[in-house]
Amino acid sequence: MSAHGPGYVLVVDDLDEQREIYGTILKHAGLHVLEAEDGETALHLARAHVPDVMLLDVCLPDVDGFEVTRRLKADRRTRPISILLLTAGAVPQGGAPAYDEFLSKPVQPREALAAVRRHLRH
């Protein structure tokens, strides 16, 4: 768990409704939620707040989730963030960066919450 209290989760998805759904269930579970609609904003928020967990969509309009993951895992400060990739597509074998868990869309809100909780315990 982070030094800043109860779990901090950064939800990254270009669809407003997806961010709202995941954000609502995470907030109801007592977690602090930050939201980003694109990769650049996600990188900025991750570096500024160093959340415990990121729910990160792979398909983003600017910097995709794989590149966001590469950049965060290459940085000593943000490397500890647990990154949960969300995508409707397949994760490329060997070409994907070191993410912590892969969730295949559609991801039910309770499934996302359970995954976040698993990574908060580490």
N, C-alpha and C. Protein backbone atom coordinates (compact mmCIF):
# COMPACT_ATOMS: atom_id res chain seq x y z
N MET A 1 0.84 -1.17 0.00
CA MET A 1 0.00 0.00 0.00
C MET A 1 0.89 1.24 0.00
N SER A 2 0.38 2.31 -0.51
CA SER A 2 1.18 3.52 -0.70
C SER A 2 1.40 4.28 0.60
N ALA A 3 2.35 5.19 0.51
CA ALA A 3 2.65 6.05 1.65
C ALA A 3 1.58 7.12 1.82
N HIS A 4 0.71 7.30 0.82
CA HIS A 4 -0.29 8.36 0.90
C HIS A 4 -1.65 7.85 1.35
N GLY A 5 -1.69 6.80 2.14
CA GLY A 5 -2.96 6.36 2.72
C GLY A 5 -3.61 5.23 1.95
N PRO A 6 -4.95 5.19 2.01
CA PRO A 6 -5.67 4.13 1.30
C PRO A 6 -5.29 4.11 -0.17
N GLY A 7 -5.53 3.00 -0.82
CA GLY A 7 -5.09 2.82 -2.19
C GLY A 7 -5.45 3.93 -3.15
N TYR A 8 -4.49 4.30 -3.96
CA TYR A 8 -4.68 5.26 -5.03
C TYR A 8 -4.68 4.50 -6.34
N VAL A 9 -5.71 4.74 -7.16
CA VAL A 9 -5.85 4.06 -8.44
C VAL A 9 -6.00 5.10 -9.53
N LEU A 10 -5.22 4.93 -10.60
CA LEU A 10 -5.34 5.78 -11.78
C LEU A 10 -6.07 4.98 -12.85
N VAL A 11 -7.25 5.48 -13.25
CA VAL A 11 -8.07 4.83 -14.28
C VAL A 11 -7.84 5.59 -15.58
N VAL A 12 -7.35 4.85 -16.60
CA VAL A 12 -7.02 5.47 -17.88
C VAL A 12 -7.83 4.81 -18.99
N ASP A 13 -8.74 5.58 -19.58
CA ASP A 13 -9.56 5.09 -20.68
C ASP A 13 -10.04 6.31 -21.46
N ASP A 14 -10.07 6.22 -22.79
CA ASP A 14 -10.52 7.36 -23.58
C ASP A 14 -12.04 7.48 -23.60
N LEU A 15 -12.75 6.47 -23.09
CA LEU A 15 -14.21 6.54 -23.03
C LEU A 15 -14.66 7.03 -21.66
N ASP A 16 -15.36 8.15 -21.65
CA ASP A 16 -15.83 8.75 -20.39
C ASP A 16 -16.63 7.75 -19.56
N GLU A 17 -17.53 6.99 -20.21
CA GLU A 17 -18.39 6.07 -19.48
C GLU A 17 -17.59 4.96 -18.79
N GLN A 18 -16.51 4.51 -19.42
CA GLN A 18 -15.68 3.47 -18.79
C GLN A 18 -14.98 4.03 -17.55
N ARG A 19 -14.41 5.23 -17.67
CA ARG A 19 -13.76 5.85 -16.51
C ARG A 19 -14.76 6.04 -15.38
N GLU A 20 -15.98 6.47 -15.73
CA GLU A 20 -17.00 6.70 -14.72
C GLU A 20 -17.41 5.41 -14.02
N ILE A 21 -17.61 4.35 -14.79
CA ILE A 21 -18.01 3.05 -14.21
C ILE A 21 -16.94 2.54 -13.25
N TYR A 22 -15.69 2.47 -13.73
CA TYR A 22 -14.61 1.95 -12.87
C TYR A 22 -14.37 2.89 -11.69
N GLY A 23 -14.38 4.19 -11.95
CA GLY A 23 -14.15 5.16 -10.89
C GLY A 23 -15.19 5.06 -9.79
N THR A 24 -16.44 4.89 -10.17
CA THR A 24 -17.52 4.81 -9.18
C THR A 24 -17.36 3.61 -8.27
N ILE A 25 -17.11 2.43 -8.84
CA ILE A 25 -17.00 1.24 -7.99
C ILE A 25 -15.75 1.29 -7.11
N LEU A 26 -14.67 1.86 -7.63
CA LEU A 26 -13.44 1.98 -6.84
C LEU A 26 -13.62 2.97 -5.70
N LYS A 27 -14.30 4.09 -5.97
CA LYS A 27 -14.56 5.08 -4.91
C LYS A 27 -15.47 4.50 -3.84
N HIS A 28 -16.50 3.73 -4.25
CA HIS A 28 -17.39 3.09 -3.28
C HIS A 28 -16.65 2.07 -2.41
N ALA A 29 -15.55 1.55 -2.92
CA ALA A 29 -14.73 0.60 -2.16
C ALA A 29 -13.75 1.33 -1.23
N GLY A 30 -13.81 2.66 -1.22
CA GLY A 30 -12.95 3.43 -0.32
C GLY A 30 -11.60 3.79 -0.88
N LEU A 31 -11.42 3.63 -2.19
CA LEU A 31 -10.14 3.95 -2.81
C LEU A 31 -10.16 5.37 -3.37
N HIS A 32 -8.99 5.95 -3.49
CA HIS A 32 -8.85 7.27 -4.10
C HIS A 32 -8.63 7.04 -5.59
N VAL A 33 -9.35 7.77 -6.42
CA VAL A 33 -9.31 7.55 -7.86
C VAL A 33 -8.89 8.82 -8.60
N LEU A 34 -7.93 8.64 -9.49
CA LEU A 34 -7.53 9.67 -10.44
C LEU A 34 -7.95 9.16 -11.81
N GLU A 35 -8.25 10.07 -12.74
CA GLU A 35 -8.69 9.63 -14.06
C GLU A 35 -7.93 10.37 -15.15
N ALA A 36 -7.66 9.64 -16.24
CA ALA A 36 -7.02 10.22 -17.42
C ALA A 36 -7.70 9.66 -18.65
N GLU A 37 -7.82 10.51 -19.68
CA GLU A 37 -8.47 10.07 -20.91
C GLU A 37 -7.49 9.77 -22.04
N ASP A 38 -6.20 9.99 -21.79
CA ASP A 38 -5.20 9.70 -22.82
C ASP A 38 -3.86 9.35 -22.16
N GLY A 39 -2.94 8.87 -22.97
CA GLY A 39 -1.65 8.40 -22.45
C GLY A 39 -0.78 9.50 -21.86
N GLU A 40 -0.75 10.66 -22.51
CA GLU A 40 0.08 11.76 -21.99
C GLU A 40 -0.40 12.20 -20.62
N THR A 41 -1.71 12.34 -20.45
CA THR A 41 -2.26 12.72 -19.14
C THR A 41 -1.97 11.63 -18.11
N ALA A 42 -2.08 10.38 -18.53
CA ALA A 42 -1.79 9.26 -17.63
C ALA A 42 -0.34 9.32 -17.15
N LEU A 43 0.58 9.57 -18.06
CA LEU A 43 2.00 9.66 -17.68
C LEU A 43 2.22 10.81 -16.71
N HIS A 44 1.61 11.96 -16.99
CA HIS A 44 1.74 13.13 -16.11
C HIS A 44 1.21 12.81 -14.70
N LEU A 45 0.00 12.25 -14.62
CA LEU A 45 -0.60 11.94 -13.32
C LEU A 45 0.17 10.85 -12.58
N ALA A 46 0.64 9.85 -13.32
CA ALA A 46 1.39 8.77 -12.68
C ALA A 46 2.70 9.30 -12.08
N ARG A 47 3.35 10.19 -12.78
CA ARG A 47 4.61 10.76 -12.27
C ARG A 47 4.37 11.72 -11.11
N ALA A 48 3.27 12.45 -11.17
CA ALA A 48 2.96 13.44 -10.13
C ALA A 48 2.45 12.78 -8.84
N HIS A 49 1.65 11.71 -8.97
CA HIS A 49 0.98 11.12 -7.81
C HIS A 49 1.46 9.72 -7.44
N VAL A 50 2.15 9.04 -8.32
CA VAL A 50 2.62 7.66 -8.13
C VAL A 50 1.54 6.80 -7.46
N PRO A 51 0.47 6.51 -8.22
CA PRO A 51 -0.60 5.68 -7.66
C PRO A 51 -0.12 4.26 -7.38
N ASP A 52 -0.89 3.53 -6.61
CA ASP A 52 -0.55 2.15 -6.31
C ASP A 52 -0.82 1.25 -7.51
N VAL A 53 -1.95 1.52 -8.18
CA VAL A 53 -2.42 0.68 -9.27
C VAL A 53 -2.93 1.56 -10.40
N MET A 54 -2.74 1.09 -11.65
CA MET A 54 -3.34 1.74 -12.81
C MET A 54 -4.20 0.73 -13.54
N LEU A 55 -5.43 1.12 -13.85
CA LEU A 55 -6.27 0.37 -14.79
C LEU A 55 -6.05 1.10 -16.11
N LEU A 56 -5.35 0.48 -17.04
CA LEU A 56 -4.85 1.17 -18.22
C LEU A 56 -5.36 0.52 -19.51
N ASP A 57 -6.18 1.26 -20.23
CA ASP A 57 -6.66 0.79 -21.53
C ASP A 57 -5.48 0.80 -22.50
N VAL A 58 -5.40 -0.19 -23.36
CA VAL A 58 -4.31 -0.25 -24.34
C VAL A 58 -4.55 0.74 -25.47
N CYS A 59 -5.78 0.84 -25.95
CA CYS A 59 -6.11 1.71 -27.09
C CYS A 59 -6.44 3.11 -26.62
N LEU A 60 -5.47 4.00 -26.75
CA LEU A 60 -5.64 5.40 -26.37
C LEU A 60 -5.34 6.27 -27.58
N PRO A 61 -5.89 7.49 -27.62
CA PRO A 61 -5.75 8.32 -28.82
C PRO A 61 -4.34 8.85 -29.11
N ASP A 62 -3.48 8.93 -28.13
CA ASP A 62 -2.14 9.48 -28.38
C ASP A 62 -1.06 8.44 -28.10
N VAL A 63 -0.63 8.32 -26.88
CA VAL A 63 0.36 7.33 -26.48
C VAL A 63 -0.40 6.10 -26.00
N ASP A 64 -0.19 4.94 -26.65
CA ASP A 64 -0.97 3.77 -26.28
C ASP A 64 -0.53 3.18 -24.93
N GLY A 65 -1.35 2.29 -24.41
CA GLY A 65 -1.10 1.71 -23.09
C GLY A 65 0.21 0.95 -22.99
N PHE A 66 0.64 0.32 -24.09
CA PHE A 66 1.92 -0.39 -24.07
C PHE A 66 3.08 0.59 -23.87
N GLU A 67 3.02 1.73 -24.58
CA GLU A 67 4.08 2.73 -24.45
C GLU A 67 4.05 3.40 -23.07
N VAL A 68 2.86 3.66 -22.56
CA VAL A 68 2.74 4.21 -21.20
C VAL A 68 3.40 3.24 -20.22
N THR A 69 3.11 1.95 -20.37
CA THR A 69 3.70 0.94 -19.49
C THR A 69 5.22 0.93 -19.61
N ARG A 70 5.74 0.94 -20.83
CA ARG A 70 7.20 0.94 -21.04
C ARG A 70 7.85 2.11 -20.32
N ARG A 71 7.26 3.29 -20.50
CA ARG A 71 7.86 4.50 -19.90
C ARG A 71 7.81 4.45 -18.38
N LEU A 72 6.69 4.01 -17.81
CA LEU A 72 6.57 3.98 -16.35
C LEU A 72 7.47 2.91 -15.74
N LYS A 73 7.59 1.76 -16.37
CA LYS A 73 8.42 0.68 -15.84
C LYS A 73 9.91 0.98 -16.02
N ALA A 74 10.25 1.89 -16.93
CA ALA A 74 11.65 2.28 -17.14
C ALA A 74 12.11 3.33 -16.13
N ASP A 75 11.17 3.93 -15.43
CA ASP A 75 11.47 4.99 -14.46
C ASP A 75 11.47 4.39 -13.05
N ARG A 76 12.58 4.55 -12.36
CA ARG A 76 12.73 3.97 -11.01
C ARG A 76 11.62 4.41 -10.07
N ARG A 77 11.18 5.66 -10.20
CA ARG A 77 10.15 6.19 -9.30
C ARG A 77 8.77 5.59 -9.54
N THR A 78 8.43 5.34 -10.81
CA THR A 78 7.09 4.84 -11.14
C THR A 78 7.04 3.33 -11.39
N ARG A 79 8.19 2.68 -11.39
CA ARG A 79 8.25 1.23 -11.63
C ARG A 79 7.37 0.42 -10.68
N PRO A 80 7.24 0.81 -9.39
CA PRO A 80 6.42 0.00 -8.47
C PRO A 80 4.91 0.03 -8.75
N ILE A 81 4.44 0.95 -9.59
CA ILE A 81 3.00 1.01 -9.87
C ILE A 81 2.57 -0.31 -10.51
N SER A 82 1.53 -0.93 -9.97
CA SER A 82 0.97 -2.14 -10.58
C SER A 82 0.11 -1.71 -11.76
N ILE A 83 0.45 -2.19 -12.95
CA ILE A 83 -0.26 -1.81 -14.16
C ILE A 83 -1.12 -2.97 -14.63
N LEU A 84 -2.44 -2.71 -14.67
CA LEU A 84 -3.41 -3.70 -15.13
C LEU A 84 -3.89 -3.24 -16.50
N LEU A 85 -3.46 -3.94 -17.54
CA LEU A 85 -3.82 -3.58 -18.91
C LEU A 85 -5.22 -4.09 -19.25
N LEU A 86 -6.00 -3.22 -19.87
CA LEU A 86 -7.35 -3.56 -20.32
C LEU A 86 -7.39 -3.46 -21.83
N THR A 87 -7.80 -4.53 -22.49
CA THR A 87 -7.94 -4.46 -23.94
C THR A 87 -8.88 -5.53 -24.46
N ALA A 88 -9.56 -5.19 -25.56
CA ALA A 88 -10.42 -6.16 -26.23
C ALA A 88 -9.60 -7.02 -27.17
N GLY A 89 -8.40 -6.57 -27.53
CA GLY A 89 -7.53 -7.32 -28.44
C GLY A 89 -6.60 -8.25 -27.69
N ALA A 90 -5.79 -8.93 -28.44
CA ALA A 90 -4.81 -9.85 -27.84
C ALA A 90 -3.55 -9.07 -27.47
N VAL A 91 -2.89 -9.51 -26.43
CA VAL A 91 -1.61 -8.92 -26.05
C VAL A 91 -0.53 -9.63 -26.86
N PRO A 92 0.29 -8.87 -27.58
CA PRO A 92 1.33 -9.50 -28.39
C PRO A 92 2.33 -10.25 -27.53
N GLN A 93 2.68 -11.44 -27.94
CA GLN A 93 3.66 -12.24 -27.20
C GLN A 93 5.06 -11.69 -27.44
N GLY A 94 5.80 -11.48 -26.37
CA GLY A 94 7.17 -11.03 -26.48
C GLY A 94 7.31 -9.53 -26.73
N GLY A 95 6.34 -8.91 -27.39
CA GLY A 95 6.46 -7.50 -27.70
C GLY A 95 5.85 -6.59 -26.65
N ALA A 96 5.10 -7.17 -25.72
CA ALA A 96 4.42 -6.36 -24.71
C ALA A 96 5.39 -6.01 -23.58
N PRO A 97 5.28 -4.81 -23.05
CA PRO A 97 6.12 -4.43 -21.91
C PRO A 97 5.69 -5.18 -20.66
N ALA A 98 6.47 -5.05 -19.62
CA ALA A 98 6.22 -5.78 -18.37
C ALA A 98 5.08 -5.17 -17.57
N TYR A 99 3.87 -5.58 -17.89
CA TYR A 99 2.71 -5.15 -17.13
C TYR A 99 2.48 -6.16 -16.00
N ASP A 100 1.59 -5.85 -15.05
CA ASP A 100 1.39 -6.72 -13.90
C ASP A 100 0.23 -7.69 -14.05
N GLU A 101 -0.78 -7.29 -14.82
CA GLU A 101 -1.91 -8.19 -15.06
C GLU A 101 -2.62 -7.72 -16.32
N PHE A 102 -3.21 -8.68 -17.03
CA PHE A 102 -3.95 -8.39 -18.25
C PHE A 102 -5.40 -8.75 -18.02
N LEU A 103 -6.31 -7.80 -18.32
CA LEU A 103 -7.74 -8.04 -18.19
C LEU A 103 -8.37 -7.85 -19.56
N SER A 104 -9.06 -8.87 -20.04
CA SER A 104 -9.66 -8.84 -21.36
C SER A 104 -11.03 -8.17 -21.30
N LYS A 105 -11.23 -7.15 -22.15
CA LYS A 105 -12.51 -6.45 -22.20
C LYS A 105 -13.56 -7.32 -22.87
N PRO A 106 -14.79 -7.21 -22.47
CA PRO A 106 -15.29 -6.28 -21.45
C PRO A 106 -14.97 -6.78 -20.04
N VAL A 107 -14.49 -5.87 -19.21
CA VAL A 107 -14.15 -6.18 -17.82
C VAL A 107 -15.30 -5.70 -16.94
N GLN A 108 -15.91 -6.62 -16.23
CA GLN A 108 -16.99 -6.24 -15.32
C GLN A 108 -16.41 -5.40 -14.18
N PRO A 109 -17.14 -4.40 -13.71
CA PRO A 109 -16.63 -3.54 -12.64
C PRO A 109 -16.15 -4.32 -11.41
N ARG A 110 -16.87 -5.34 -11.00
CA ARG A 110 -16.46 -6.12 -9.82
C ARG A 110 -15.16 -6.89 -10.09
N GLU A 111 -14.98 -7.33 -11.32
CA GLU A 111 -13.74 -8.01 -11.71
C GLU A 111 -12.56 -7.03 -11.64
N ALA A 112 -12.79 -5.80 -12.11
CA ALA A 112 -11.75 -4.77 -12.05
C ALA A 112 -11.41 -4.46 -10.60
N LEU A 113 -12.43 -4.33 -9.75
CA LEU A 113 -12.20 -4.05 -8.33
C LEU A 113 -11.41 -5.19 -7.69
N ALA A 114 -11.76 -6.43 -7.98
CA ALA A 114 -11.04 -7.58 -7.41
C ALA A 114 -9.58 -7.57 -7.84
N ALA A 115 -9.32 -7.23 -9.11
CA ALA A 115 -7.93 -7.18 -9.60
C ALA A 115 -7.15 -6.07 -8.89
N VAL A 116 -7.78 -4.91 -8.74
CA VAL A 116 -7.12 -3.80 -8.03
C VAL A 116 -6.80 -4.21 -6.60
N ARG A 117 -7.74 -4.82 -5.92
CA ARG A 117 -7.51 -5.25 -4.53
C ARG A 117 -6.37 -6.26 -4.44
N ARG A 118 -6.27 -7.18 -5.40
CA ARG A 118 -5.16 -8.16 -5.39
C ARG A 118 -3.83 -7.45 -5.42
N HIS A 119 -3.74 -6.39 -6.22
CA HIS A 119 -2.46 -5.68 -6.37
C HIS A 119 -2.20 -4.70 -5.23
N LEU A 120 -3.22 -4.26 -4.55
CA LEU A 120 -3.02 -3.40 -3.39
C LEU A 120 -2.42 -4.20 -2.22
N ARG A 121 -2.67 -5.49 -2.19
CA ARG A 121 -2.14 -6.32 -1.11
C ARG A 121 -0.67 -6.62 -1.26
N HIS A 122 -0.12 -6.47 -2.45
CA HIS A 122 1.31 -6.80 -2.68
C HIS A 122 2.22 -5.83 -1.99
